[in-house]
N, C-alpha and C. Protein backbone atom coordinates (compact mmCIF):
# COMPACT_ATOMS: atom_id res chain seq x y z
N UNK A 1 1.84 17.41 2.80
CA UNK A 1 1.26 17.17 3.85
C UNK A 1 2.25 17.03 4.99
N UNK A 2 2.05 17.74 6.14
CA UNK A 2 3.00 17.62 7.15
C UNK A 2 2.80 16.27 8.03
N UNK A 3 3.84 15.93 8.62
CA UNK A 3 3.89 14.67 9.35
C UNK A 3 2.77 14.58 10.37
N UNK A 4 2.33 15.62 11.14
CA UNK A 4 1.44 15.51 12.15
C UNK A 4 0.07 15.34 11.53
N UNK A 5 -0.19 15.94 10.40
CA UNK A 5 -1.55 15.83 9.72
C UNK A 5 -1.53 14.34 9.11
N UNK A 6 -0.52 13.85 8.62
CA UNK A 6 -0.56 12.57 8.06
C UNK A 6 -0.88 11.44 9.10
N UNK A 7 -0.36 11.63 10.25
CA UNK A 7 -0.69 10.60 11.44
C UNK A 7 -2.11 10.66 11.77
N UNK A 8 -2.92 11.67 11.50
CA UNK A 8 -4.28 11.87 11.83
C UNK A 8 -5.17 11.29 10.70
N UNK A 9 -4.72 11.24 9.48
CA UNK A 9 -5.64 10.88 8.38
C UNK A 9 -5.15 9.52 7.97
N UNK A 10 -4.24 9.03 8.03
CA UNK A 10 -3.67 7.71 7.73
C UNK A 10 -3.49 6.73 8.88
N UNK A 11 -3.81 5.44 8.53
CA UNK A 11 -3.57 4.46 9.54
C UNK A 11 -2.85 3.26 9.12
N UNK A 12 -2.09 2.60 10.01
CA UNK A 12 -1.31 1.41 9.76
C UNK A 12 -1.63 0.43 10.80
N UNK A 13 -1.85 -0.88 10.37
CA UNK A 13 -2.00 -1.96 11.24
C UNK A 13 -1.07 -3.02 10.72
N UNK A 14 -0.19 -3.39 11.67
CA UNK A 14 0.82 -4.44 11.32
C UNK A 14 2.04 -4.55 12.07
N UNK A 15 3.08 -5.07 11.58
CA UNK A 15 4.36 -5.24 12.32
C UNK A 15 5.25 -3.98 12.13
N UNK A 16 6.07 -3.77 13.14
CA UNK A 16 6.90 -2.64 13.23
C UNK A 16 8.40 -3.29 13.38
N UNK A 17 9.41 -2.52 12.92
CA UNK A 17 10.82 -2.83 13.30
C UNK A 17 11.50 -1.52 13.26
N UNK A 18 12.19 -1.26 14.43
CA UNK A 18 12.95 0.11 14.47
C UNK A 18 11.89 1.16 14.24
N UNK A 19 10.70 1.16 14.69
CA UNK A 19 9.70 2.27 14.52
C UNK A 19 9.41 2.43 13.21
N UNK A 20 9.47 1.56 12.16
CA UNK A 20 9.12 1.54 10.89
C UNK A 20 8.20 0.38 10.49
N UNK A 21 7.27 0.64 9.52
CA UNK A 21 6.30 -0.47 8.99
C UNK A 21 7.43 -1.52 8.44
N UNK A 22 7.17 -2.75 9.00
CA UNK A 22 8.07 -3.73 8.47
C UNK A 22 7.43 -5.16 8.50
N UNK A 23 7.27 -5.98 7.55
CA UNK A 23 6.70 -7.36 7.52
C UNK A 23 5.38 -7.07 6.92
N UNK A 24 4.43 -7.93 7.37
CA UNK A 24 3.03 -7.86 6.99
C UNK A 24 2.26 -6.73 7.53
N UNK A 25 1.46 -6.08 6.72
CA UNK A 25 0.62 -5.04 7.35
C UNK A 25 -0.42 -4.39 6.36
N UNK A 26 -1.34 -3.56 7.01
CA UNK A 26 -2.27 -2.85 6.16
C UNK A 26 -2.25 -1.32 6.38
N UNK A 27 -2.04 -0.62 5.16
CA UNK A 27 -2.03 0.74 5.36
C UNK A 27 -3.23 1.33 4.73
N UNK A 28 -3.93 2.11 5.59
CA UNK A 28 -5.26 2.94 5.23
C UNK A 28 -4.89 4.30 4.75
N UNK A 29 -5.36 4.59 3.49
CA UNK A 29 -5.20 6.00 3.06
C UNK A 29 -6.38 6.92 3.48
N UNK A 30 -6.20 8.27 3.66
CA UNK A 30 -7.27 9.13 4.05
C UNK A 30 -8.30 9.11 2.96
N UNK A 31 -8.02 8.85 1.82
CA UNK A 31 -8.97 8.93 0.61
C UNK A 31 -9.89 7.65 0.58
N UNK A 32 -9.64 6.74 1.38
CA UNK A 32 -10.54 5.48 1.50
C UNK A 32 -9.86 4.26 0.87
N UNK A 33 -8.61 4.48 0.34
CA UNK A 33 -7.84 3.41 -0.34
C UNK A 33 -7.12 2.76 0.71
N UNK A 34 -6.48 1.60 0.33
CA UNK A 34 -5.63 0.96 1.28
C UNK A 34 -4.52 -0.02 0.47
N UNK A 35 -3.47 -0.35 1.22
CA UNK A 35 -2.53 -1.32 0.71
C UNK A 35 -2.44 -2.41 1.89
N UNK A 36 -2.49 -3.72 1.26
CA UNK A 36 -2.27 -4.78 2.13
C UNK A 36 -1.12 -5.67 1.62
N UNK A 37 -0.23 -5.82 2.41
CA UNK A 37 0.93 -6.67 2.00
C UNK A 37 2.15 -6.31 2.82
N UNK A 38 3.42 -6.40 2.13
CA UNK A 38 4.69 -6.47 2.85
C UNK A 38 5.22 -5.12 2.80
N UNK A 39 6.03 -4.75 3.84
CA UNK A 39 6.65 -3.63 3.99
C UNK A 39 8.04 -3.85 4.38
N UNK A 40 9.07 -2.98 4.09
CA UNK A 40 10.34 -3.15 4.51
C UNK A 40 10.97 -1.68 4.70
N UNK A 41 11.41 -1.45 5.85
CA UNK A 41 11.92 -0.24 6.33
C UNK A 41 10.89 1.08 6.08
N UNK A 42 9.69 0.76 6.33
CA UNK A 42 8.56 1.82 6.01
C UNK A 42 8.04 2.08 4.73
N UNK A 43 8.47 1.21 3.74
CA UNK A 43 8.08 1.21 2.31
C UNK A 43 7.27 0.01 1.97
N UNK A 44 6.31 0.16 0.92
CA UNK A 44 5.81 -1.02 0.39
C UNK A 44 6.99 -1.77 -0.40
N UNK A 45 7.02 -3.01 -0.03
CA UNK A 45 8.27 -3.85 -0.60
C UNK A 45 7.93 -5.20 -0.48
N UNK A 46 7.90 -5.90 -1.73
CA UNK A 46 7.44 -7.32 -1.75
C UNK A 46 6.14 -7.42 -2.43
N UNK A 47 5.33 -8.55 -1.99
CA UNK A 47 3.96 -8.76 -2.56
C UNK A 47 3.19 -8.03 -1.81
N UNK A 48 2.05 -7.34 -2.62
CA UNK A 48 1.04 -6.58 -2.04
C UNK A 48 -0.16 -6.16 -2.96
N UNK A 49 -1.21 -5.70 -2.34
CA UNK A 49 -2.37 -5.33 -3.21
C UNK A 49 -2.65 -3.83 -2.73
N UNK A 50 -2.61 -2.94 -3.77
CA UNK A 50 -3.26 -1.57 -3.43
C UNK A 50 -4.64 -1.48 -4.16
N UNK A 51 -5.46 -0.96 -3.08
CA UNK A 51 -6.92 -0.63 -3.38
C UNK A 51 -7.16 0.84 -3.55
N UNK A 52 -7.61 1.33 -4.62
CA UNK A 52 -8.08 2.78 -4.77
C UNK A 52 -9.56 2.93 -4.44
N UNK A 53 -10.09 4.12 -4.00
CA UNK A 53 -11.37 4.20 -3.69
C UNK A 53 -12.43 4.11 -4.88
N UNK A 54 -11.97 4.31 -6.03
CA UNK A 54 -12.90 4.18 -7.26
C UNK A 54 -13.07 2.73 -7.60
N UNK A 55 -12.32 1.77 -6.89
CA UNK A 55 -12.48 0.28 -7.16
C UNK A 55 -11.30 -0.33 -8.08
N UNK A 56 -10.48 0.46 -8.42
CA UNK A 56 -9.30 -0.14 -9.25
C UNK A 56 -8.35 -0.71 -8.10
N UNK A 57 -7.56 -1.72 -8.74
CA UNK A 57 -6.58 -2.31 -7.74
C UNK A 57 -5.42 -2.83 -8.45
N UNK A 58 -4.31 -2.92 -7.78
CA UNK A 58 -3.08 -3.52 -8.29
C UNK A 58 -2.55 -4.49 -7.42
N UNK A 59 -2.45 -5.80 -7.93
CA UNK A 59 -1.92 -6.86 -7.32
C UNK A 59 -0.45 -7.21 -7.89
N UNK A 60 0.54 -7.21 -7.09
CA UNK A 60 1.71 -7.62 -7.49
C UNK A 60 2.97 -7.25 -6.61
N UNK A 61 4.05 -6.97 -7.31
CA UNK A 61 5.38 -6.77 -6.60
C UNK A 61 5.59 -5.27 -6.35
N UNK A 62 6.26 -4.93 -5.34
CA UNK A 62 6.70 -3.48 -5.02
C UNK A 62 7.92 -3.49 -4.52
N UNK A 63 8.76 -2.37 -4.80
CA UNK A 63 10.02 -2.25 -4.40
C UNK A 63 10.26 -0.75 -4.02
N UNK A 64 10.56 -0.38 -2.85
CA UNK A 64 10.86 0.99 -2.42
C UNK A 64 9.51 1.88 -2.64
N UNK A 65 8.41 1.32 -2.24
CA UNK A 65 7.14 2.12 -2.37
C UNK A 65 6.65 2.20 -3.91
N UNK A 66 7.21 1.69 -4.77
CA UNK A 66 6.84 1.71 -6.20
C UNK A 66 6.49 0.36 -6.70
N UNK A 67 5.48 0.37 -7.64
CA UNK A 67 5.15 -0.95 -8.37
C UNK A 67 6.31 -1.32 -9.29
N UNK A 68 6.91 -2.59 -9.05
CA UNK A 68 8.00 -3.03 -9.78
C UNK A 68 7.93 -4.63 -9.93
N UNK A 69 8.30 -5.17 -11.11
CA UNK A 69 8.30 -6.54 -11.19
C UNK A 69 6.93 -6.97 -11.73
N UNK A 70 6.40 -8.36 -11.45
CA UNK A 70 5.27 -8.64 -11.94
C UNK A 70 4.09 -8.20 -11.23
N UNK A 71 3.16 -7.85 -11.91
CA UNK A 71 1.80 -7.25 -11.29
C UNK A 71 0.84 -6.99 -12.40
N UNK A 72 -0.52 -7.03 -11.94
CA UNK A 72 -1.52 -6.62 -12.77
C UNK A 72 -2.43 -5.55 -12.08
N UNK A 73 -2.87 -4.59 -12.93
CA UNK A 73 -3.71 -3.59 -12.51
C UNK A 73 -4.99 -3.77 -13.04
N UNK A 74 -6.06 -3.74 -12.21
CA UNK A 74 -7.38 -4.11 -12.54
C UNK A 74 -8.13 -2.89 -12.37
N UNK A 75 -8.85 -2.49 -13.43
CA UNK A 75 -9.56 -1.23 -13.62
C UNK A 75 -11.19 -1.70 -13.08
N UNK A 76 -11.94 -0.66 -12.69
CA UNK A 76 -13.27 -0.88 -12.39
C UNK A 76 -14.04 -1.47 -13.37
N UNK A 77 -13.83 -1.03 -14.62
CA UNK A 77 -14.57 -1.39 -15.82
C UNK A 77 -14.26 -2.84 -16.33
N UNK A 78 -13.22 -3.43 -15.71
CA UNK A 78 -12.96 -4.89 -15.95
C UNK A 78 -11.77 -5.01 -16.70
N UNK A 79 -11.21 -4.01 -17.30
CA UNK A 79 -9.97 -4.03 -18.14
C UNK A 79 -8.70 -4.16 -17.13
N UNK A 80 -7.63 -4.75 -17.54
CA UNK A 80 -6.57 -5.06 -16.75
C UNK A 80 -5.30 -4.77 -17.60
N UNK A 81 -4.14 -4.53 -17.02
CA UNK A 81 -2.96 -4.24 -17.71
C UNK A 81 -1.84 -5.09 -16.92
């Protein structure tokens, strides 16, 4: 997806630093999912929750836009990992 299309289909509410997502914020995905939590230099970084449109969610630590460290993935059917 090119950057122009991304700006039209995704939305961010929160803090910026040097024109990048930074600090606490919420990122809304075009598919209906969202991420609520901490950002660092434009990436998910720190504590946060990622919600998927099917009802699954991950609550935990992030580093450089990837799940890392402690966290739990909750599936719609009640299972968790």
